[in-house]
Amino acid sequence: MRRELGRILKHDEFLYGELDITFHRDDFRQRTLAPSTTQLDLSLEERKVVLIDDVLYTGRSIRAGLDALLSFGRPSAVQLLVLVDRRFERELPITPDYVGRWVDSIAGQRVSVEWKEAEGKDQVLLLTSGAADEREKAAKEPVHKPVPTRK
């Protein structure tokens, strides 16, 4: 991510860190989550911070990120950059300042961001779950089924 930001900004002279939000999530005890590593060797006190997330959906991960940020100081401002904004189904009043792409999706669909370094190709995928597959299948069935007639 840092290399990509440097390419976009056309310089690599910015402070960068990675923040693990696992223990700040409101579903921490309900899911099996593997903690990652926080690499933030600076104080955020009175700094302008850009919080970056891959997909903005309900807003809960961003809320956890904001909570985690406060462990490193009180920033003077926080802006949000997301690669993909799903726009619908927001549970918290969170709006990004910078968006790479908007994706309109319905409940049951999942957005996946893949990176060339990890998956071999940079791409955004809209995946349909089993429940969405059933709805899609039902939508293809004829609306009017033949009604048996009496003789």
N, C-alpha and C. Protein backbone atom coordinates (compact mmCIF):
# COMPACT_ATOMS: atom_id res chain seq x y z
N MET A 1 0.82 -1.18 0.00
CA MET A 1 0.00 0.00 0.00
C MET A 1 0.87 1.25 0.00
N ARG A 2 1.94 1.23 0.78
CA ARG A 2 2.81 2.40 0.85
C ARG A 2 3.41 2.72 -0.52
N ARG A 3 3.83 1.70 -1.24
CA ARG A 3 4.42 1.90 -2.57
C ARG A 3 3.39 2.50 -3.53
N GLU A 4 2.15 2.01 -3.46
CA GLU A 4 1.08 2.52 -4.32
C GLU A 4 0.77 3.98 -3.99
N LEU A 5 0.74 4.33 -2.71
CA LEU A 5 0.52 5.72 -2.31
C LEU A 5 1.63 6.62 -2.84
N GLY A 6 2.85 6.16 -2.75
CA GLY A 6 3.98 6.92 -3.28
C GLY A 6 3.86 7.15 -4.77
N ARG A 7 3.39 6.14 -5.48
CA ARG A 7 3.20 6.26 -6.93
C ARG A 7 2.12 7.30 -7.25
N ILE A 8 1.01 7.25 -6.51
CA ILE A 8 -0.09 8.18 -6.74
C ILE A 8 0.32 9.61 -6.41
N LEU A 9 1.00 9.79 -5.27
CA LEU A 9 1.40 11.12 -4.83
C LEU A 9 2.63 11.64 -5.57
N LYS A 10 3.31 10.76 -6.28
CA LYS A 10 4.53 11.07 -7.04
C LYS A 10 5.69 11.47 -6.12
N HIS A 11 5.63 11.01 -4.88
CA HIS A 11 6.75 11.12 -3.95
C HIS A 11 6.49 10.15 -2.80
N ASP A 12 7.55 9.80 -2.10
CA ASP A 12 7.37 8.85 -1.00
C ASP A 12 7.78 9.46 0.34
N GLU A 13 7.67 10.77 0.43
CA GLU A 13 8.04 11.46 1.66
C GLU A 13 6.80 11.74 2.50
N PHE A 14 6.28 10.72 3.13
CA PHE A 14 5.14 10.87 4.03
C PHE A 14 5.28 9.82 5.12
N LEU A 15 4.71 10.11 6.27
CA LEU A 15 4.73 9.16 7.38
C LEU A 15 3.66 8.11 7.12
N TYR A 16 3.97 6.87 7.44
CA TYR A 16 3.08 5.76 7.12
C TYR A 16 3.10 4.76 8.26
N GLY A 17 1.97 4.21 8.56
CA GLY A 17 1.90 3.17 9.58
C GLY A 17 0.76 2.23 9.27
N GLU A 18 0.76 1.09 9.93
CA GLU A 18 -0.31 0.11 9.78
C GLU A 18 -0.91 -0.13 11.15
N LEU A 19 -2.23 -0.23 11.18
CA LEU A 19 -2.98 -0.28 12.42
C LEU A 19 -3.83 -1.54 12.47
N ASP A 20 -3.66 -2.33 13.51
CA ASP A 20 -4.48 -3.53 13.71
C ASP A 20 -5.71 -3.13 14.53
N ILE A 21 -6.89 -3.34 13.96
CA ILE A 21 -8.13 -2.94 14.64
C ILE A 21 -8.85 -4.12 15.29
N THR A 22 -8.26 -5.30 15.25
CA THR A 22 -8.93 -6.52 15.71
C THR A 22 -9.59 -6.37 17.07
N PHE A 23 -8.87 -5.89 18.05
CA PHE A 23 -9.39 -5.83 19.42
C PHE A 23 -10.33 -4.64 19.65
N HIS A 24 -10.51 -3.80 18.64
CA HIS A 24 -11.42 -2.67 18.74
C HIS A 24 -12.74 -2.93 18.02
N ARG A 25 -12.85 -4.07 17.37
CA ARG A 25 -14.08 -4.40 16.63
C ARG A 25 -15.21 -4.76 17.59
N ASP A 26 -16.43 -4.38 17.23
CA ASP A 26 -17.57 -4.69 18.11
C ASP A 26 -18.00 -6.15 18.00
N ASP A 27 -17.49 -6.88 17.01
CA ASP A 27 -17.80 -8.32 16.87
C ASP A 27 -16.61 -9.19 17.25
N PHE A 28 -15.68 -8.63 18.01
CA PHE A 28 -14.45 -9.34 18.36
C PHE A 28 -14.72 -10.71 18.98
N ARG A 29 -15.64 -10.80 19.90
CA ARG A 29 -15.91 -12.06 20.59
C ARG A 29 -16.83 -13.00 19.80
N GLN A 30 -17.43 -12.50 18.74
CA GLN A 30 -18.36 -13.31 17.95
C GLN A 30 -17.71 -14.01 16.78
N ARG A 31 -16.53 -13.59 16.39
CA ARG A 31 -15.86 -14.13 15.22
C ARG A 31 -14.45 -14.58 15.58
N THR A 32 -13.94 -15.49 14.81
CA THR A 32 -12.55 -15.88 14.95
C THR A 32 -11.73 -14.95 14.07
N LEU A 33 -10.99 -14.06 14.69
CA LEU A 33 -10.19 -13.08 13.97
C LEU A 33 -8.73 -13.27 14.30
N ALA A 34 -7.91 -13.28 13.29
CA ALA A 34 -6.47 -13.39 13.50
C ALA A 34 -5.88 -11.99 13.56
N PRO A 35 -5.35 -11.60 14.71
CA PRO A 35 -4.75 -10.26 14.81
C PRO A 35 -3.58 -10.11 13.84
N SER A 36 -3.44 -8.92 13.29
CA SER A 36 -2.28 -8.62 12.47
C SER A 36 -1.34 -7.77 13.32
N THR A 37 -0.44 -7.08 12.70
CA THR A 37 0.56 -6.32 13.44
C THR A 37 0.34 -4.84 13.25
N THR A 38 0.43 -4.09 14.34
CA THR A 38 0.41 -2.64 14.26
C THR A 38 1.85 -2.18 14.10
N GLN A 39 2.09 -1.36 13.09
CA GLN A 39 3.41 -0.77 12.87
C GLN A 39 3.21 0.74 12.76
N LEU A 40 3.22 1.39 13.90
CA LEU A 40 2.97 2.82 13.94
C LEU A 40 3.96 3.42 14.94
N ASP A 41 5.14 3.75 14.46
CA ASP A 41 6.23 4.20 15.32
C ASP A 41 6.26 5.73 15.44
N LEU A 42 5.08 6.33 15.67
CA LEU A 42 5.02 7.77 15.81
C LEU A 42 3.78 8.13 16.60
N SER A 43 3.80 9.32 17.15
CA SER A 43 2.62 9.83 17.84
C SER A 43 1.73 10.52 16.82
N LEU A 44 0.43 10.36 16.97
CA LEU A 44 -0.51 11.02 16.07
C LEU A 44 -0.99 12.35 16.62
N GLU A 45 -0.46 12.72 17.78
CA GLU A 45 -0.86 13.94 18.46
C GLU A 45 -0.74 15.15 17.53
N GLU A 46 -1.87 15.83 17.31
CA GLU A 46 -1.96 17.05 16.50
C GLU A 46 -1.53 16.86 15.04
N ARG A 47 -1.54 15.64 14.54
CA ARG A 47 -1.21 15.40 13.13
C ARG A 47 -2.49 15.24 12.32
N LYS A 48 -2.40 15.53 11.03
CA LYS A 48 -3.49 15.22 10.12
C LYS A 48 -3.28 13.78 9.67
N VAL A 49 -4.30 12.96 9.81
CA VAL A 49 -4.20 11.53 9.52
C VAL A 49 -5.18 11.16 8.42
N VAL A 50 -4.73 10.34 7.49
CA VAL A 50 -5.62 9.76 6.49
C VAL A 50 -5.72 8.28 6.80
N LEU A 51 -6.91 7.86 7.20
CA LEU A 51 -7.19 6.45 7.50
C LEU A 51 -7.59 5.79 6.19
N ILE A 52 -6.97 4.66 5.87
CA ILE A 52 -7.21 3.98 4.60
C ILE A 52 -7.81 2.61 4.86
N ASP A 53 -8.87 2.28 4.11
CA ASP A 53 -9.49 0.96 4.20
C ASP A 53 -9.79 0.49 2.78
N ASP A 54 -9.84 -0.83 2.61
CA ASP A 54 -10.10 -1.34 1.27
C ASP A 54 -11.56 -1.16 0.87
N VAL A 55 -12.51 -1.65 1.69
CA VAL A 55 -13.93 -1.58 1.34
C VAL A 55 -14.71 -0.94 2.49
N LEU A 56 -15.48 0.09 2.18
CA LEU A 56 -16.38 0.70 3.16
C LEU A 56 -17.77 0.15 2.91
N TYR A 57 -18.34 -0.51 3.91
CA TYR A 57 -19.67 -1.10 3.78
C TYR A 57 -20.56 -0.60 4.92
N THR A 58 -20.48 -1.22 6.07
CA THR A 58 -21.34 -0.81 7.19
C THR A 58 -20.75 0.37 7.97
N GLY A 59 -19.44 0.53 7.92
CA GLY A 59 -18.76 1.59 8.66
C GLY A 59 -18.17 1.11 9.98
N ARG A 60 -18.43 -0.13 10.34
CA ARG A 60 -17.97 -0.64 11.64
C ARG A 60 -16.44 -0.78 11.70
N SER A 61 -15.80 -1.16 10.63
CA SER A 61 -14.33 -1.25 10.64
C SER A 61 -13.70 0.13 10.79
N ILE A 62 -14.30 1.12 10.17
CA ILE A 62 -13.78 2.48 10.29
C ILE A 62 -13.93 2.97 11.73
N ARG A 63 -15.08 2.68 12.35
CA ARG A 63 -15.28 3.06 13.76
C ARG A 63 -14.20 2.42 14.63
N ALA A 64 -13.91 1.15 14.38
CA ALA A 64 -12.85 0.46 15.13
C ALA A 64 -11.50 1.10 14.87
N GLY A 65 -11.26 1.50 13.63
CA GLY A 65 -10.01 2.18 13.29
C GLY A 65 -9.85 3.51 14.01
N LEU A 66 -10.94 4.25 14.11
CA LEU A 66 -10.91 5.52 14.83
C LEU A 66 -10.62 5.30 16.32
N ASP A 67 -11.24 4.26 16.90
CA ASP A 67 -10.96 3.93 18.30
C ASP A 67 -9.49 3.55 18.49
N ALA A 68 -8.96 2.74 17.58
CA ALA A 68 -7.57 2.30 17.68
C ALA A 68 -6.60 3.47 17.51
N LEU A 69 -6.94 4.41 16.64
CA LEU A 69 -6.07 5.58 16.42
C LEU A 69 -5.83 6.36 17.71
N LEU A 70 -6.85 6.45 18.54
CA LEU A 70 -6.73 7.26 19.76
C LEU A 70 -5.69 6.71 20.73
N SER A 71 -5.28 5.46 20.55
CA SER A 71 -4.21 4.89 21.39
C SER A 71 -2.86 5.53 21.08
N PHE A 72 -2.77 6.22 19.96
CA PHE A 72 -1.50 6.79 19.51
C PHE A 72 -1.50 8.32 19.53
N GLY A 73 -2.48 8.89 20.21
CA GLY A 73 -2.55 10.34 20.31
C GLY A 73 -3.86 10.86 19.74
N ARG A 74 -4.05 12.16 19.89
CA ARG A 74 -5.26 12.78 19.39
C ARG A 74 -4.92 13.60 18.14
N PRO A 75 -5.30 13.08 16.97
CA PRO A 75 -5.00 13.80 15.72
C PRO A 75 -5.75 15.12 15.64
N SER A 76 -5.21 16.08 14.89
CA SER A 76 -5.92 17.34 14.68
C SER A 76 -7.05 17.15 13.68
N ALA A 77 -6.92 16.17 12.77
CA ALA A 77 -7.96 15.87 11.80
C ALA A 77 -7.75 14.44 11.29
N VAL A 78 -8.86 13.80 10.96
CA VAL A 78 -8.80 12.46 10.37
C VAL A 78 -9.65 12.47 9.12
N GLN A 79 -9.06 12.04 8.01
CA GLN A 79 -9.79 11.89 6.75
C GLN A 79 -9.82 10.41 6.40
N LEU A 80 -10.79 10.03 5.58
CA LEU A 80 -10.96 8.63 5.21
C LEU A 80 -10.81 8.44 3.72
N LEU A 81 -9.92 7.54 3.35
CA LEU A 81 -9.72 7.13 1.96
C LEU A 81 -10.12 5.66 1.86
N VAL A 82 -11.03 5.34 0.95
CA VAL A 82 -11.40 3.95 0.73
C VAL A 82 -11.20 3.61 -0.73
N LEU A 83 -10.78 2.39 -0.98
CA LEU A 83 -10.62 1.95 -2.36
C LEU A 83 -11.97 1.70 -3.00
N VAL A 84 -12.90 1.11 -2.23
CA VAL A 84 -14.24 0.80 -2.73
C VAL A 84 -15.27 1.25 -1.70
N ASP A 85 -16.25 2.03 -2.15
CA ASP A 85 -17.36 2.44 -1.29
C ASP A 85 -18.61 1.74 -1.80
N ARG A 86 -19.18 0.86 -0.96
CA ARG A 86 -20.39 0.13 -1.33
C ARG A 86 -21.65 0.98 -1.24
N ARG A 87 -21.58 2.12 -0.61
CA ARG A 87 -22.62 3.14 -0.52
C ARG A 87 -23.90 2.72 0.21
N PHE A 88 -24.39 1.53 0.01
CA PHE A 88 -25.66 1.14 0.62
C PHE A 88 -25.40 0.30 1.86
N GLU A 89 -26.38 0.21 2.73
CA GLU A 89 -26.35 -0.61 3.95
C GLU A 89 -25.43 -0.04 5.03
N ARG A 90 -25.12 1.25 4.99
CA ARG A 90 -24.29 1.84 6.02
C ARG A 90 -25.03 1.76 7.35
N GLU A 91 -24.36 1.28 8.38
CA GLU A 91 -24.95 1.19 9.72
C GLU A 91 -24.53 2.36 10.60
N LEU A 92 -23.44 3.00 10.24
CA LEU A 92 -22.93 4.14 11.00
C LEU A 92 -22.79 5.33 10.04
N PRO A 93 -22.94 6.55 10.55
CA PRO A 93 -22.88 7.73 9.67
C PRO A 93 -21.45 8.09 9.31
N ILE A 94 -20.86 7.28 8.44
CA ILE A 94 -19.47 7.48 8.02
C ILE A 94 -19.45 7.68 6.51
N THR A 95 -18.76 8.75 6.09
CA THR A 95 -18.65 9.07 4.68
C THR A 95 -17.19 9.28 4.34
N PRO A 96 -16.70 8.65 3.26
CA PRO A 96 -15.29 8.82 2.92
C PRO A 96 -14.99 10.18 2.30
N ASP A 97 -13.76 10.64 2.50
CA ASP A 97 -13.30 11.88 1.86
C ASP A 97 -12.75 11.60 0.47
N TYR A 98 -12.19 10.42 0.28
CA TYR A 98 -11.60 10.03 -1.00
C TYR A 98 -12.06 8.61 -1.33
N VAL A 99 -12.49 8.39 -2.58
CA VAL A 99 -13.00 7.09 -3.00
C VAL A 99 -12.35 6.70 -4.32
N GLY A 100 -11.88 5.46 -4.37
CA GLY A 100 -11.33 4.96 -5.62
C GLY A 100 -12.41 4.51 -6.59
N ARG A 101 -13.44 3.84 -6.06
CA ARG A 101 -14.50 3.30 -6.91
C ARG A 101 -15.76 3.10 -6.07
N TRP A 102 -16.91 3.38 -6.67
CA TRP A 102 -18.20 3.11 -6.03
C TRP A 102 -18.76 1.83 -6.62
N VAL A 103 -19.28 0.97 -5.76
CA VAL A 103 -19.88 -0.28 -6.20
C VAL A 103 -21.27 -0.38 -5.58
N ASP A 104 -22.27 -0.50 -6.44
CA ASP A 104 -23.63 -0.70 -5.95
C ASP A 104 -23.85 -2.19 -5.81
N SER A 105 -24.20 -2.61 -4.62
CA SER A 105 -24.37 -4.03 -4.36
C SER A 105 -25.57 -4.22 -3.44
N ILE A 106 -26.01 -5.45 -3.33
CA ILE A 106 -27.13 -5.76 -2.47
C ILE A 106 -26.66 -6.66 -1.34
N ALA A 107 -27.52 -6.79 -0.32
CA ALA A 107 -27.20 -7.68 0.79
C ALA A 107 -26.95 -9.08 0.24
N GLY A 108 -26.00 -9.78 0.79
CA GLY A 108 -25.66 -11.12 0.31
C GLY A 108 -24.51 -11.11 -0.67
N GLN A 109 -24.16 -9.95 -1.19
CA GLN A 109 -23.00 -9.85 -2.06
C GLN A 109 -21.82 -9.36 -1.24
N ARG A 110 -20.63 -9.72 -1.70
CA ARG A 110 -19.41 -9.33 -1.01
C ARG A 110 -18.46 -8.74 -2.02
N VAL A 111 -17.76 -7.69 -1.61
CA VAL A 111 -16.76 -7.06 -2.46
C VAL A 111 -15.39 -7.51 -1.99
N SER A 112 -14.57 -7.97 -2.90
CA SER A 112 -13.22 -8.42 -2.57
C SER A 112 -12.21 -7.61 -3.38
N VAL A 113 -11.22 -7.06 -2.69
CA VAL A 113 -10.14 -6.34 -3.36
C VAL A 113 -8.93 -7.26 -3.38
N GLU A 114 -8.43 -7.53 -4.56
CA GLU A 114 -7.26 -8.41 -4.71
C GLU A 114 -6.08 -7.59 -5.20
N TRP A 115 -4.90 -7.96 -4.71
CA TRP A 115 -3.67 -7.24 -5.04
C TRP A 115 -2.75 -8.13 -5.87
N LYS A 116 -2.09 -7.52 -6.82
CA LYS A 116 -1.18 -8.23 -7.70
C LYS A 116 -0.13 -9.01 -6.91
N GLU A 117 0.39 -8.40 -5.84
CA GLU A 117 1.45 -9.04 -5.05
C GLU A 117 0.95 -10.31 -4.37
N ALA A 118 -0.31 -10.35 -3.97
CA ALA A 118 -0.84 -11.51 -3.24
C ALA A 118 -1.61 -12.47 -4.14
N GLU A 119 -2.48 -11.94 -5.01
CA GLU A 119 -3.34 -12.79 -5.83
C GLU A 119 -2.95 -12.85 -7.31
N GLY A 120 -1.93 -12.08 -7.71
CA GLY A 120 -1.46 -12.12 -9.09
C GLY A 120 -2.09 -11.08 -10.00
N LYS A 121 -3.09 -10.35 -9.49
CA LYS A 121 -3.76 -9.37 -10.33
C LYS A 121 -4.45 -8.33 -9.43
N ASP A 122 -4.35 -7.05 -9.81
CA ASP A 122 -5.08 -6.01 -9.11
C ASP A 122 -6.50 -6.00 -9.67
N GLN A 123 -7.49 -6.27 -8.80
CA GLN A 123 -8.86 -6.26 -9.26
C GLN A 123 -9.83 -6.15 -8.10
N VAL A 124 -11.04 -5.69 -8.42
CA VAL A 124 -12.13 -5.62 -7.46
C VAL A 124 -13.20 -6.58 -7.96
N LEU A 125 -13.61 -7.51 -7.09
CA LEU A 125 -14.60 -8.51 -7.47
C LEU A 125 -15.87 -8.32 -6.67
N LEU A 126 -17.01 -8.51 -7.31
CA LEU A 126 -18.30 -8.53 -6.63
C LEU A 126 -18.74 -9.98 -6.61
N LEU A 127 -18.73 -10.56 -5.41
CA LEU A 127 -19.02 -11.98 -5.25
C LEU A 127 -20.42 -12.17 -4.70
N THR A 128 -21.12 -13.15 -5.22
CA THR A 128 -22.47 -13.45 -4.78
C THR A 128 -22.43 -14.68 -3.89
N SER A 129 -23.05 -14.56 -2.72
CA SER A 129 -23.07 -15.67 -1.78
C SER A 129 -24.17 -16.66 -2.15
N GLY A 130 -24.26 -17.75 -1.42
CA GLY A 130 -25.28 -18.77 -1.67
C GLY A 130 -26.68 -18.22 -1.57
N ALA A 131 -26.94 -17.36 -0.59
CA ALA A 131 -28.28 -16.78 -0.43
C ALA A 131 -28.63 -15.91 -1.62
N ALA A 132 -27.66 -15.14 -2.08
CA ALA A 132 -27.91 -14.28 -3.24
C ALA A 132 -28.11 -15.14 -4.48
N ASP A 133 -27.38 -16.26 -4.57
CA ASP A 133 -27.56 -17.18 -5.70
C ASP A 133 -28.98 -17.70 -5.75
N GLU A 134 -29.55 -18.04 -4.57
CA GLU A 134 -30.92 -18.55 -4.52
C GLU A 134 -31.92 -17.47 -4.97
N ARG A 135 -31.70 -16.23 -4.54
CA ARG A 135 -32.58 -15.14 -4.97
C ARG A 135 -32.48 -14.95 -6.48
N GLU A 136 -31.26 -15.02 -7.00
CA GLU A 136 -31.07 -14.86 -8.44
C GLU A 136 -31.76 -15.98 -9.20
N LYS A 137 -31.66 -17.20 -8.69
CA LYS A 137 -32.31 -18.35 -9.32
C LYS A 137 -33.83 -18.18 -9.30
N ALA A 138 -34.36 -17.73 -8.16
CA ALA A 138 -35.81 -17.53 -8.04
C ALA A 138 -36.28 -16.44 -9.00
N ALA A 139 -35.46 -15.43 -9.21
CA ALA A 139 -35.84 -14.34 -10.10
C ALA A 139 -35.93 -14.80 -11.55
N LYS A 140 -35.22 -15.87 -11.91
CA LYS A 140 -35.24 -16.37 -13.28
C LYS A 140 -36.43 -17.29 -13.55
N GLU A 141 -37.07 -17.78 -12.48
CA GLU A 141 -38.22 -18.65 -12.66
C GLU A 141 -39.39 -17.83 -13.17
N PRO A 142 -40.27 -18.45 -13.97
CA PRO A 142 -41.41 -17.68 -14.49
C PRO A 142 -42.30 -17.19 -13.36
N VAL A 143 -42.80 -15.98 -13.52
CA VAL A 143 -43.67 -15.40 -12.51
C VAL A 143 -45.03 -16.08 -12.54
N HIS A 144 -45.55 -16.35 -13.74
CA HIS A 144 -46.86 -16.98 -13.88
C HIS A 144 -46.66 -18.45 -14.20
N LYS A 145 -47.07 -19.30 -13.28
CA LYS A 145 -46.98 -20.73 -13.51
C LYS A 145 -48.33 -21.19 -14.06
N PRO A 146 -48.34 -22.21 -14.91
CA PRO A 146 -49.61 -22.69 -15.46
C PRO A 146 -50.53 -23.17 -14.33
N VAL A 147 -51.77 -22.80 -14.41
CA VAL A 147 -52.76 -23.22 -13.43
C VAL A 147 -53.59 -24.35 -14.04
N PRO A 148 -53.73 -25.48 -13.30
CA PRO A 148 -54.52 -26.57 -13.87
C PRO A 148 -55.98 -26.14 -14.05
N THR A 149 -56.55 -26.57 -15.14
CA THR A 149 -57.94 -26.22 -15.42
C THR A 149 -58.84 -27.40 -15.12
N ARG A 150 -60.09 -27.13 -14.72
CA ARG A 150 -61.06 -28.19 -14.45
C ARG A 150 -61.82 -28.50 -15.73
N LYS A 151 -62.16 -29.76 -15.88
CA LYS A 151 -62.94 -30.15 -17.05
C LYS A 151 -64.30 -30.53 -16.64
